[in-house]
Amino acid sequence: MCLFFDYKILENGKEFLTLYPIRYNVMFIIEKTPEFDNMKTSKFDIAEYLDNKEMITQYLNTVLEEGNDEDVIIAIGHIAKAIGMTKISEKTGLSRASLYKALSDGAKPRFATIMKVLKAIGGHIQINPIST
């Protein structure tokens, strides 16, 4: 399972680690206690957290590094939803219904569709050599 996470220290000194599984609409919030026994789960929409370019970039790069092809498609869908499907639809020339279908769990979109959506969300593909 590919995870995206956020670590925060609140003003009162409490520490929290939030885990966002890429493929499931469940968020795990772990409050740092000596026993780590205070764990809560709640439903969430990751698109609500993708509110700036840095977060979007970090999220997509994490999925590209740790996820598989299906995770990447779903993550691009989350980003498109965060930006707004209507806006992405206008930029790509694809209907909103087509975008939702192409970027849903289990979809197999054409590479051209992925490239159009990446361009519309302000991204591009860059190849770097793998260090061995």
Protein backbone atom coordinates (compact mmCIF):
# COMPACT_ATOMS: atom_id res chain seq x y z
CA MET A 1 0.00 0.00 0.00
CA CYS A 2 1.37 3.42 -0.98
CA LEU A 3 1.13 5.99 1.83
CA PHE A 4 1.42 9.74 1.90
CA PHE A 5 2.00 11.22 5.34
CA ASP A 6 2.15 14.45 7.28
CA TYR A 7 3.81 15.05 10.67
CA LYS A 8 2.74 17.95 12.89
CA ILE A 9 3.59 19.26 16.31
CA LEU A 10 0.72 21.30 17.72
CA GLU A 11 1.13 24.43 19.86
CA ASN A 12 0.37 22.38 22.96
CA GLY A 13 3.32 20.11 22.16
CA LYS A 14 1.29 17.11 21.01
CA GLU A 15 2.72 15.25 18.06
CA PHE A 16 0.59 13.72 15.31
CA LEU A 17 1.42 11.53 12.33
CA THR A 18 -1.29 11.44 9.68
CA LEU A 19 -1.20 8.64 7.10
CA TYR A 20 -3.13 8.91 3.85
CA PRO A 21 -3.40 5.63 1.94
CA ILE A 22 -3.55 6.45 -1.76
CA ARG A 23 -6.26 3.98 -2.73
CA TYR A 24 -8.65 4.06 0.20
CA ASN A 25 -10.80 6.82 1.65
CA VAL A 26 -9.58 6.32 5.21
CA MET A 27 -7.19 8.54 7.09
CA PHE A 28 -5.19 7.26 10.05
CA ILE A 29 -4.29 9.80 12.72
CA ILE A 30 -1.79 8.61 15.27
CA GLU A 31 -1.25 10.75 18.36
CA LYS A 32 2.21 10.27 19.79
CA THR A 33 1.85 8.80 23.25
CA PRO A 34 4.22 6.46 25.08
CA GLU A 35 2.03 3.54 24.08
CA PHE A 36 0.72 4.88 20.73
CA ASP A 37 -2.67 3.62 21.87
CA ASN A 38 -4.66 6.66 20.83
CA MET A 39 -5.39 5.88 17.17
CA LYS A 40 -8.41 7.29 15.36
CA THR A 41 -9.68 6.61 11.86
CA SER A 42 -12.01 8.76 9.82
CA LYS A 43 -13.18 9.07 6.24
CA PHE A 44 -11.58 11.79 4.19
CA ASP A 45 -11.08 13.07 0.69
CA ILE A 46 -7.40 13.65 -0.03
CA ALA A 47 -8.34 16.23 -2.67
CA GLU A 48 -9.22 18.57 0.22
CA TYR A 49 -5.59 18.47 1.37
CA LEU A 50 -4.07 19.15 -2.06
CA ASP A 51 -4.47 22.90 -1.79
CA ASN A 52 -1.12 24.17 -3.10
CA LYS A 53 1.46 23.31 -5.73
CA GLU A 54 4.02 22.07 -3.20
CA MET A 55 1.58 19.60 -1.63
CA ILE A 56 0.43 18.42 -5.06
CA THR A 57 4.03 17.95 -6.21
CA GLN A 58 5.02 16.09 -3.04
CA TYR A 59 1.94 13.88 -3.25
CA LEU A 60 2.40 12.93 -6.90
CA ASN A 61 6.16 12.36 -6.53
CA THR A 62 5.51 10.08 -3.54
CA VAL A 63 3.01 8.06 -5.52
CA LEU A 64 5.33 7.87 -8.54
CA GLU A 65 8.17 6.63 -6.34
CA GLU A 66 6.27 4.21 -4.13
CA GLY A 67 3.08 3.29 -5.95
CA ASN A 68 2.16 1.32 -9.01
CA ASP A 69 0.51 2.39 -12.27
CA GLU A 70 -3.00 2.22 -10.80
CA ASP A 71 -1.95 4.34 -7.81
CA VAL A 72 -0.58 7.00 -10.19
CA ILE A 73 -3.84 7.15 -12.17
CA ILE A 74 -5.86 7.48 -8.96
CA ALA A 75 -3.49 10.15 -7.61
CA ILE A 76 -3.79 12.18 -10.83
CA GLY A 77 -7.56 11.90 -10.40
CA HIS A 78 -7.31 13.21 -6.83
CA ILE A 79 -5.24 16.16 -8.04
CA ALA A 80 -7.66 16.90 -10.89
CA LYS A 81 -10.53 16.83 -8.39
CA ALA A 82 -8.62 19.18 -6.06
CA ILE A 83 -8.04 21.69 -8.88
CA GLY A 84 -11.56 21.22 -10.24
CA MET A 85 -12.79 18.80 -12.88
CA THR A 86 -14.53 21.59 -14.79
CA LYS A 87 -11.27 23.51 -15.06
CA ILE A 88 -9.36 20.37 -16.11
CA SER A 89 -12.10 19.54 -18.59
CA GLU A 90 -11.79 22.99 -20.19
CA LYS A 91 -8.00 22.73 -20.42
CA THR A 92 -7.96 19.18 -21.84
CA GLY A 93 -10.99 19.31 -24.10
CA LEU A 94 -12.29 16.15 -22.40
CA SER A 95 -15.70 15.98 -20.76
CA ARG A 96 -15.97 15.84 -16.99
CA ALA A 97 -17.61 12.41 -17.26
CA SER A 98 -14.71 11.14 -19.39
CA LEU A 99 -12.21 12.49 -16.86
CA TYR A 100 -13.95 10.86 -13.90
CA LYS A 101 -14.09 7.56 -15.81
CA ALA A 102 -10.46 7.74 -17.01
CA LEU A 103 -9.09 8.63 -13.56
CA SER A 104 -11.09 6.22 -11.43
CA ASP A 105 -9.94 3.07 -9.64
CA GLY A 106 -9.40 0.27 -12.16
CA ALA A 107 -9.39 2.57 -15.21
CA LYS A 108 -6.91 2.08 -18.04
CA PRO A 109 -6.69 5.54 -19.64
CA ARG A 110 -4.73 6.17 -22.80
CA PHE A 111 -1.29 7.70 -22.34
CA ALA A 112 -2.44 10.74 -24.33
CA THR A 113 -5.20 11.31 -21.76
CA ILE A 114 -2.71 11.15 -18.89
CA MET A 115 -0.41 13.61 -20.67
CA LYS A 116 -3.29 16.06 -21.28
CA VAL A 117 -4.34 15.91 -17.64
CA LEU A 118 -0.75 16.27 -16.38
CA LYS A 119 -0.32 19.37 -18.53
CA ALA A 120 -3.67 20.75 -17.30
CA ILE A 121 -2.70 20.28 -13.64
CA GLY A 122 0.59 22.05 -14.27
CA GLY A 123 2.89 19.05 -14.33
CA HIS A 124 5.12 17.21 -16.74
CA ILE A 125 7.12 14.02 -16.88
CA GLN A 126 10.86 14.22 -16.35
CA ILE A 127 13.19 11.24 -16.59
CA ASN A 128 16.20 11.00 -14.27
CA PRO A 129 18.74 8.17 -14.24
CA ILE A 130 18.28 5.62 -11.50
CA SER A 131 21.28 5.52 -9.21
CA THR A 132 22.58 2.04 -8.55
